[in-house]
Amino acid sequence: MAQQPQASLDAPPMQQQLAYLSSLSVGFRFQPAGRYIVAYFIAPKAFYGRVPADVIQDGVADGVDVYGARPEDLPFPIRNRDYDGEVWGYSFTTAASGRLGADFREVAAGGFWNRYGEEKEYANEDEDVVALRSRFAFYDEEGKLTPWLMKEYRLNEGAAAYRGIAFHPSAKDMAVWKVYNHVEIPKKESPVDYHGSDDDQSDRDEADEIAVDHPVDGMGIDAAAHL
């Protein structure tokens, strides 16, 4: 019989106030590491249909059609906008609104996402790959590379760690997209310290790589990381 994972997502006590992006302190930037997205957003959604009470509830948005609009027209939270013009946002998506695993993703409003590089693997302590991350670049209708990039995080549903676990009905082929743009910043101007990770602090470096190498040529993959 299918089992539920052992983690608990009990309802928060009445006195506990849920956190939202709008309640964050001025200057706080929500740019979590990939491991955090997998452990605190994708996995709980997949198992229980909701995120834990102690995470930012709207950090990853629901109901955003990432295939229905060009990236610049997506509803980025006001807190996810920087002084230099950089914007970013996270959203849940499923196979119902796209094609997970495909290298080429058309956008209804024009343009397309094209995958580049290799997938990054996230492994648990038993070296079982439990999640994957793919990277995409956005091209306009004429095939010209734009400043928009995307990272797709999803569970490896075939992993041994998930055998016998009942996934939530709404979690089939679910993933989280991080859509963001690359803004050229002079080296002498120090941007905000995002307390990033091996996944996210290199966003600008990755954009520089894409500008030199065509996305479909492929890039090196980091060593498998542990959750």
C-alpha atoms as a PDB file:
ATOM      1  CA  MET A   1       0.000   0.000   0.000  1.00  0.00           C
ATOM      2  CA  ALA A   2       1.211   3.502  -0.817  1.00  0.00           C
ATOM      3  CA  GLN A   3       2.561   5.420   2.142  1.00  0.00           C
ATOM      4  CA  GLN A   4       2.779   9.088   2.982  1.00  0.00           C
ATOM      5  CA  PRO A   5       6.242  10.451   3.853  1.00  0.00           C
ATOM      6  CA  GLN A   6       7.040  10.794   7.523  1.00  0.00           C
ATOM      7  CA  ALA A   7       7.357  14.589   7.553  1.00  0.00           C
ATOM      8  CA  SER A   8       4.512  16.529   9.152  1.00  0.00           C
ATOM      9  CA  LEU A   9       2.669  19.539   7.778  1.00  0.00           C
ATOM     10  CA  ASP A  10       0.279  20.100  10.659  1.00  0.00           C
ATOM     11  CA  ALA A  11      -1.792  23.269  10.602  1.00  0.00           C
ATOM     12  CA  PRO A  12       0.014  26.164  12.345  1.00  0.00           C
ATOM     13  CA  PRO A  13      -1.086  27.272  15.828  1.00  0.00           C
ATOM     14  CA  MET A  14      -3.640  30.067  15.807  1.00  0.00           C
ATOM     15  CA  GLN A  15      -1.072  32.549  17.134  1.00  0.00           C
ATOM     16  CA  GLN A  16       1.400  31.806  14.329  1.00  0.00           C
ATOM     17  CA  GLN A  17       1.254  34.401  11.577  1.00  0.00           C
ATOM     18  CA  LEU A  18       1.986  33.164   8.078  1.00  0.00           C
ATOM     19  CA  ALA A  19       4.691  35.009   6.142  1.00  0.00           C
ATOM     20  CA  TYR A  20       4.152  36.551   2.703  1.00  0.00           C
ATOM     21  CA  LEU A  21       6.417  38.510   0.367  1.00  0.00           C
ATOM     22  CA  SER A  22       4.575  41.733   1.213  1.00  0.00           C
ATOM     23  CA  SER A  23       5.399  41.264   4.911  1.00  0.00           C
ATOM     24  CA  LEU A  24       9.158  40.941   4.413  1.00  0.00           C
ATOM     25  CA  SER A  25      11.504  43.590   5.751  1.00  0.00           C
ATOM     26  CA  VAL A  26      12.661  46.270   3.344  1.00  0.00           C
ATOM     27  CA  GLY A  27      15.783  45.110   1.536  1.00  0.00           C
ATOM     28  CA  PHE A  28      15.052  41.400   1.934  1.00  0.00           C
ATOM     29  CA  ARG A  29      15.377  39.432  -1.301  1.00  0.00           C
ATOM     30  CA  PHE A  30      13.637  36.099  -1.741  1.00  0.00           C
ATOM     31  CA  GLN A  31      16.147  34.118  -3.816  1.00  0.00           C
ATOM     32  CA  PRO A  32      16.323  30.648  -2.211  1.00  0.00           C
ATOM     33  CA  ALA A  33      18.818  27.959  -3.154  1.00  0.00           C
ATOM     34  CA  GLY A  34      17.676  25.159  -5.421  1.00  0.00           C
ATOM     35  CA  ARG A  35      17.842  22.660  -2.559  1.00  0.00           C
ATOM     36  CA  TYR A  36      15.505  24.867  -0.545  1.00  0.00           C
ATOM     37  CA  ILE A  37      12.989  25.050  -3.392  1.00  0.00           C
ATOM     38  CA  VAL A  38      12.999  21.267  -3.710  1.00  0.00           C
ATOM     39  CA  ALA A  39      12.758  20.536   0.019  1.00  0.00           C
ATOM     40  CA  TYR A  40      10.315  23.239   1.142  1.00  0.00           C
ATOM     41  CA  PHE A  41       8.145  23.920  -1.894  1.00  0.00           C
ATOM     42  CA  ILE A  42       8.120  21.124  -4.479  1.00  0.00           C
ATOM     43  CA  ALA A  43       8.296  18.113  -2.144  1.00  0.00           C
ATOM     44  CA  PRO A  44       5.584  19.311   0.300  1.00  0.00           C
ATOM     45  CA  LYS A  45       3.328  20.260  -2.610  1.00  0.00           C
ATOM     46  CA  ALA A  46       3.884  16.856  -4.187  1.00  0.00           C
ATOM     47  CA  PHE A  47       3.170  14.944  -0.980  1.00  0.00           C
ATOM     48  CA  TYR A  48       0.556  17.097   0.774  1.00  0.00           C
ATOM     49  CA  GLY A  49      -0.754  19.556  -1.794  1.00  0.00           C
ATOM     50  CA  ARG A  50       0.511  22.598   0.124  1.00  0.00           C
ATOM     51  CA  VAL A  51       3.666  24.219   1.457  1.00  0.00           C
ATOM     52  CA  PRO A  52       4.640  24.250   5.158  1.00  0.00           C
ATOM     53  CA  ALA A  53       3.393  27.011   7.429  1.00  0.00           C
ATOM     54  CA  ASP A  54       6.898  28.244   8.230  1.00  0.00           C
ATOM     55  CA  VAL A  55       7.892  29.228   4.680  1.00  0.00           C
ATOM     56  CA  ILE A  56       6.927  32.315   2.670  1.00  0.00           C
ATOM     57  CA  GLN A  57       3.500  31.277   1.461  1.00  0.00           C
ATOM     58  CA  ASP A  58       3.529  33.145  -1.854  1.00  0.00           C
ATOM     59  CA  GLY A  59       7.265  32.767  -2.457  1.00  0.00           C
ATOM     60  CA  VAL A  60       6.363  30.380  -5.269  1.00  0.00           C
ATOM     61  CA  ALA A  61       3.171  31.536  -6.958  1.00  0.00           C
ATOM     62  CA  ASP A  62       0.230  29.403  -8.012  1.00  0.00           C
ATOM     63  CA  GLY A  63      -1.837  29.986 -11.131  1.00  0.00           C
ATOM     64  CA  VAL A  64       0.819  31.677 -13.293  1.00  0.00           C
ATOM     65  CA  ASP A  65       0.652  30.489 -16.908  1.00  0.00           C
ATOM     66  CA  VAL A  66       4.326  30.592 -17.814  1.00  0.00           C
ATOM     67  CA  TYR A  67       3.543  29.353 -21.335  1.00  0.00           C
ATOM     68  CA  GLY A  68       0.781  31.863 -21.995  1.00  0.00           C
ATOM     69  CA  ALA A  69       2.819  35.087 -21.808  1.00  0.00           C
ATOM     70  CA  ARG A  70       6.247  36.331 -22.751  1.00  0.00           C
ATOM     71  CA  PRO A  71       8.538  36.524 -19.697  1.00  0.00           C
ATOM     72  CA  GLU A  72       8.485  40.318 -19.501  1.00  0.00           C
ATOM     73  CA  ASP A  73       4.691  40.180 -19.142  1.00  0.00           C
ATOM     74  CA  LEU A  74       4.624  37.732 -16.228  1.00  0.00           C
ATOM     75  CA  PRO A  75       3.366  39.073 -12.858  1.00  0.00           C
ATOM     76  CA  PHE A  76       6.621  39.500 -10.956  1.00  0.00           C
ATOM     77  CA  PRO A  77       6.157  40.435  -7.259  1.00  0.00           C
ATOM     78  CA  ILE A  78       7.103  43.992  -6.413  1.00  0.00           C
ATOM     79  CA  ARG A  79       9.631  42.707  -3.851  1.00  0.00           C
ATOM     80  CA  ASN A  80      11.375  40.744  -6.608  1.00  0.00           C
ATOM     81  CA  ARG A  81      12.522  43.820  -8.491  1.00  0.00           C
ATOM     82  CA  ASP A  82      15.973  45.340  -8.075  1.00  0.00           C
ATOM     83  CA  TYR A  83      17.149  48.920  -8.486  1.00  0.00           C
ATOM     84  CA  ASP A  84      19.161  47.993 -11.590  1.00  0.00           C
ATOM     85  CA  GLY A  85      16.150  46.606 -13.495  1.00  0.00           C
ATOM     86  CA  GLU A  86      16.637  42.959 -12.568  1.00  0.00           C
ATOM     87  CA  VAL A  87      13.423  41.035 -11.856  1.00  0.00           C
ATOM     88  CA  TRP A  88      12.740  37.434 -10.908  1.00  0.00           C
ATOM     89  CA  GLY A  89       9.848  35.242  -9.892  1.00  0.00           C
ATOM     90  CA  TYR A  90       8.999  31.667  -8.944  1.00  0.00           C
ATOM     91  CA  SER A  91       5.882  29.767  -9.955  1.00  0.00           C
ATOM     92  CA  PHE A  92       4.473  26.253  -9.852  1.00  0.00           C
ATOM     93  CA  THR A  93       3.732  24.710 -13.222  1.00  0.00           C
ATOM     94  CA  THR A  94       2.592  21.293 -14.399  1.00  0.00           C
ATOM     95  CA  ALA A  95       2.435  19.253 -17.587  1.00  0.00           C
ATOM     96  CA  ALA A  96      -1.084  20.602 -18.062  1.00  0.00           C
ATOM     97  CA  SER A  97       0.384  23.986 -19.006  1.00  0.00           C
ATOM     98  CA  GLY A  98       3.573  22.808 -20.682  1.00  0.00           C
ATOM     99  CA  ARG A  99       5.788  19.886 -21.517  1.00  0.00           C
ATOM    100  CA  LEU A 100       8.168  18.971 -18.729  1.00  0.00           C
ATOM    101  CA  GLY A 101      11.345  17.353 -19.961  1.00  0.00           C
ATOM    102  CA  ALA A 102      11.123  18.853 -23.450  1.00  0.00           C
ATOM    103  CA  ASP A 103      14.043  20.946 -24.724  1.00  0.00           C
ATOM    104  CA  PHE A 104      11.878  23.348 -26.733  1.00  0.00           C
ATOM    105  CA  ARG A 105       8.869  25.169 -25.222  1.00  0.00           C
ATOM    106  CA  GLU A 106       6.745  27.499 -27.336  1.00  0.00           C
ATOM    107  CA  VAL A 107       5.023  30.490 -25.733  1.00  0.00           C
ATOM    108  CA  ALA A 108       1.518  31.347 -26.917  1.00  0.00           C
ATOM    109  CA  ALA A 109       2.245  35.094 -27.017  1.00  0.00           C
ATOM    110  CA  GLY A 110       5.312  34.582 -29.224  1.00  0.00           C
ATOM    111  CA  GLY A 111       8.836  33.322 -28.793  1.00  0.00           C
ATOM    112  CA  PHE A 112      10.094  30.144 -27.179  1.00  0.00           C
ATOM    113  CA  TRP A 113      12.191  28.729 -24.357  1.00  0.00           C
ATOM    114  CA  ASN A 114      15.144  26.552 -25.388  1.00  0.00           C
ATOM    115  CA  ARG A 115      17.069  24.365 -22.979  1.00  0.00           C
ATOM    116  CA  TYR A 116      20.840  24.705 -22.699  1.00  0.00           C
ATOM    117  CA  GLY A 117      23.493  22.837 -20.771  1.00  0.00           C
ATOM    118  CA  GLU A 118      23.107  19.642 -18.788  1.00  0.00           C
ATOM    119  CA  GLU A 119      20.660  18.848 -16.025  1.00  0.00           C
ATOM    120  CA  LYS A 120      21.861  19.298 -12.468  1.00  0.00           C
ATOM    121  CA  GLU A 121      21.134  16.399 -10.123  1.00  0.00           C
ATOM    122  CA  TYR A 122      20.150  16.723  -6.471  1.00  0.00           C
ATOM    123  CA  ALA A 123      20.918  13.572  -4.496  1.00  0.00           C
ATOM    124  CA  ASN A 124      20.058  12.499  -0.967  1.00  0.00           C
ATOM    125  CA  GLU A 125      22.482  10.965   1.539  1.00  0.00           C
ATOM    126  CA  ASP A 126      22.059   7.590  -0.165  1.00  0.00           C
ATOM    127  CA  GLU A 127      23.204   9.142  -3.452  1.00  0.00           C
ATOM    128  CA  ASP A 128      19.729   8.624  -4.902  1.00  0.00           C
ATOM    129  CA  VAL A 129      18.906  11.409  -7.382  1.00  0.00           C
ATOM    130  CA  VAL A 130      15.666  12.831  -6.004  1.00  0.00           C
ATOM    131  CA  ALA A 131      15.367  16.055  -8.033  1.00  0.00           C
ATOM    132  CA  LEU A 132      16.645  17.723 -11.201  1.00  0.00           C
ATOM    133  CA  ARG A 133      17.267  21.234 -12.449  1.00  0.00           C
ATOM    134  CA  SER A 134      17.256  22.303 -16.100  1.00  0.00           C
ATOM    135  CA  ARG A 135      18.120  25.726 -17.557  1.00  0.00           C
ATOM    136  CA  PHE A 136      16.438  27.566 -20.429  1.00  0.00           C
ATOM    137  CA  ALA A 137      16.991  30.761 -22.428  1.00  0.00           C
ATOM    138  CA  PHE A 138      14.187  32.723 -24.100  1.00  0.00           C
ATOM    139  CA  TYR A 139      14.236  33.611 -27.810  1.00  0.00           C
ATOM    140  CA  ASP A 140      11.906  36.020 -29.599  1.00  0.00           C
ATOM    141  CA  GLU A 141       9.821  35.153 -32.675  1.00  0.00           C
ATOM    142  CA  GLU A 142      12.794  35.795 -34.958  1.00  0.00           C
ATOM    143  CA  GLY A 143      15.022  33.416 -33.028  1.00  0.00           C
ATOM    144  CA  LYS A 144      17.035  36.166 -31.344  1.00  0.00           C
ATOM    145  CA  LEU A 145      18.360  35.490 -27.844  1.00  0.00           C
ATOM    146  CA  THR A 146      16.800  37.761 -25.195  1.00  0.00           C
ATOM    147  CA  PRO A 147      18.010  38.636 -21.665  1.00  0.00           C
ATOM    148  CA  TRP A 148      15.433  36.263 -20.120  1.00  0.00           C
ATOM    149  CA  LEU A 149      16.478  33.013 -18.457  1.00  0.00           C
ATOM    150  CA  MET A 150      14.671  30.269 -16.571  1.00  0.00           C
ATOM    151  CA  LYS A 151      15.507  27.424 -14.205  1.00  0.00           C
ATOM    152  CA  GLU A 152      13.135  24.474 -13.907  1.00  0.00           C
ATOM    153  CA  TYR A 153      13.196  22.391 -10.718  1.00  0.00           C
ATOM    154  CA  ARG A 154      11.304  19.102 -10.568  1.00  0.00           C
ATOM    155  CA  LEU A 155      11.283  15.855  -8.613  1.00  0.00           C
ATOM    156  CA  ASN A 156      12.725  12.703 -10.097  1.00  0.00           C
ATOM    157  CA  GLU A 157       9.507  10.771  -9.572  1.00  0.00           C
ATOM    158  CA  GLY A 158      11.205   7.491 -10.460  1.00  0.00           C
ATOM    159  CA  ALA A 159      13.736   7.787  -7.614  1.00  0.00           C
ATOM    160  CA  ALA A 160      13.965   4.906  -5.153  1.00  0.00           C
ATOM    161  CA  ALA A 161      13.272   7.346  -2.317  1.00  0.00           C
ATOM    162  CA  TYR A 162       9.714   7.825  -3.608  1.00  0.00           C
ATOM    163  CA  ARG A 163       8.783   4.177  -4.028  1.00  0.00           C
ATOM    164  CA  GLY A 164       5.544   3.411  -2.208  1.00  0.00           C
ATOM    165  CA  ILE A 165       4.799   7.096  -1.570  1.00  0.00           C
ATOM    166  CA  ALA A 166       1.413   8.421  -2.633  1.00  0.00           C
ATOM    167  CA  PHE A 167       1.765  11.738  -4.447  1.00  0.00           C
ATOM    168  CA  HIS A 168      -0.954  14.356  -4.151  1.00  0.00           C
ATOM    169  CA  PRO A 169      -3.419  14.186  -7.095  1.00  0.00           C
ATOM    170  CA  SER A 170      -2.492  17.699  -8.219  1.00  0.00           C
ATOM    171  CA  ALA A 171       1.253  16.998  -8.196  1.00  0.00           C
ATOM    172  CA  LYS A 172       1.579  14.996 -11.405  1.00  0.00           C
ATOM    173  CA  ASP A 173       4.543  16.362 -13.382  1.00  0.00           C
ATOM    174  CA  MET A 174       4.746  19.428 -11.145  1.00  0.00           C
ATOM    175  CA  ALA A 175       7.759  21.722 -11.266  1.00  0.00           C
ATOM    176  CA  VAL A 176       8.883  25.147 -10.104  1.00  0.00           C
ATOM    177  CA  TRP A 177      10.089  27.742 -12.579  1.00  0.00           C
ATOM    178  CA  LYS A 178      12.391  30.586 -11.692  1.00  0.00           C
ATOM    179  CA  VAL A 179      12.137  33.195 -14.476  1.00  0.00           C
ATOM    180  CA  TYR A 180      14.570  36.106 -14.354  1.00  0.00           C
ATOM    181  CA  ASN A 181      16.369  38.576 -16.587  1.00  0.00           C
ATOM    182  CA  HIS A 182      20.028  39.403 -17.009  1.00  0.00           C
ATOM    183  CA  VAL A 183      20.972  43.054 -16.607  1.00  0.00           C
ATOM    184  CA  GLU A 184      24.444  44.314 -17.446  1.00  0.00           C
ATOM    185  CA  ILE A 185      25.967  45.921 -14.341  1.00  0.00           C
ATOM    186  CA  PRO A 186      29.328  47.731 -14.344  1.00  0.00           C
ATOM    187  CA  LYS A 187      31.890  45.793 -12.340  1.00  0.00           C
ATOM    188  CA  LYS A 188      32.536  48.736 -10.004  1.00  0.00           C
ATOM    189  CA  GLU A 189      28.910  48.794  -8.875  1.00  0.00           C
ATOM    190  CA  SER A 190      28.428  46.162  -6.209  1.00  0.00           C
ATOM    191  CA  PRO A 191      24.955  44.578  -6.402  1.00  0.00           C
ATOM    192  CA  VAL A 192      22.923  43.532  -3.366  1.00  0.00           C
ATOM    193  CA  ASP A 193      24.281  40.482  -1.563  1.00  0.00           C
ATOM    194  CA  TYR A 194      21.580  37.879  -2.051  1.00  0.00           C
ATOM    195  CA  HIS A 195      23.193  35.290   0.218  1.00  0.00           C
ATOM    196  CA  GLY A 196      22.900  33.043  -2.828  1.00  0.00           C
ATOM    197  CA  SER A 197      23.914  29.451  -3.405  1.00  0.00           C
ATOM    198  CA  ASP A 198      25.735  27.416  -6.000  1.00  0.00           C
ATOM    199  CA  ASP A 199      22.444  27.500  -7.919  1.00  0.00           C
ATOM    200  CA  ASP A 200      21.517  31.160  -7.780  1.00  0.00           C
ATOM    201  CA  GLN A 201      24.533  33.355  -7.121  1.00  0.00           C
ATOM    202  CA  SER A 202      25.884  32.555 -10.605  1.00  0.00           C
ATOM    203  CA  ASP A 203      22.817  33.730 -12.558  1.00  0.00           C
ATOM    204  CA  ARG A 204      24.664  36.646 -14.105  1.00  0.00           C
ATOM    205  CA  ASP A 205      27.687  34.472 -14.923  1.00  0.00           C
ATOM    206  CA  GLU A 206      25.421  31.985 -16.695  1.00  0.00           C
ATOM    207  CA  ALA A 207      23.916  34.786 -18.762  1.00  0.00           C
ATOM    208  CA  ASP A 208      27.402  35.859 -19.803  1.00  0.00           C
ATOM    209  CA  GLU A 209      28.153  32.293 -20.886  1.00  0.00           C
ATOM    210  CA  ILE A 210      24.994  32.156 -23.001  1.00  0.00           C
ATOM    211  CA  ALA A 211      25.959  35.379 -24.760  1.00  0.00           C
ATOM    212  CA  VAL A 212      29.166  33.689 -25.910  1.00  0.00           C
ATOM    213  CA  ASP A 213      28.047  30.108 -26.488  1.00  0.00           C
ATOM    214  CA  HIS A 214      24.849  29.106 -28.244  1.00  0.00           C
ATOM    215  CA  PRO A 215      22.479  27.558 -25.665  1.00  0.00           C
ATOM    216  CA  VAL A 216      22.147  24.245 -27.476  1.00  0.00           C
ATOM    217  CA  ASP A 217      25.914  23.720 -27.463  1.00  0.00           C
ATOM    218  CA  GLY A 218      25.754  22.610 -23.824  1.00  0.00           C
ATOM    219  CA  MET A 219      27.673  23.642 -20.734  1.00  0.00           C
ATOM    220  CA  GLY A 220      29.374  21.812 -17.902  1.00  0.00           C
ATOM    221  CA  ILE A 221      27.321  20.302 -15.099  1.00  0.00           C
ATOM    222  CA  ASP A 222      28.074  20.744 -11.430  1.00  0.00           C
ATOM    223  CA  ALA A 223      28.701  17.678  -9.312  1.00  0.00           C
ATOM    224  CA  ALA A 224      25.567  16.116  -7.816  1.00  0.00           C
ATOM    225  CA  ALA A 225      24.567  18.010  -4.695  1.00  0.00           C
ATOM    226  CA  HIS A 226      23.091  16.660  -1.504  1.00  0.00           C
ATOM    227  CA  LEU A 227      19.782  17.961  -0.223  1.00  0.00           C
END
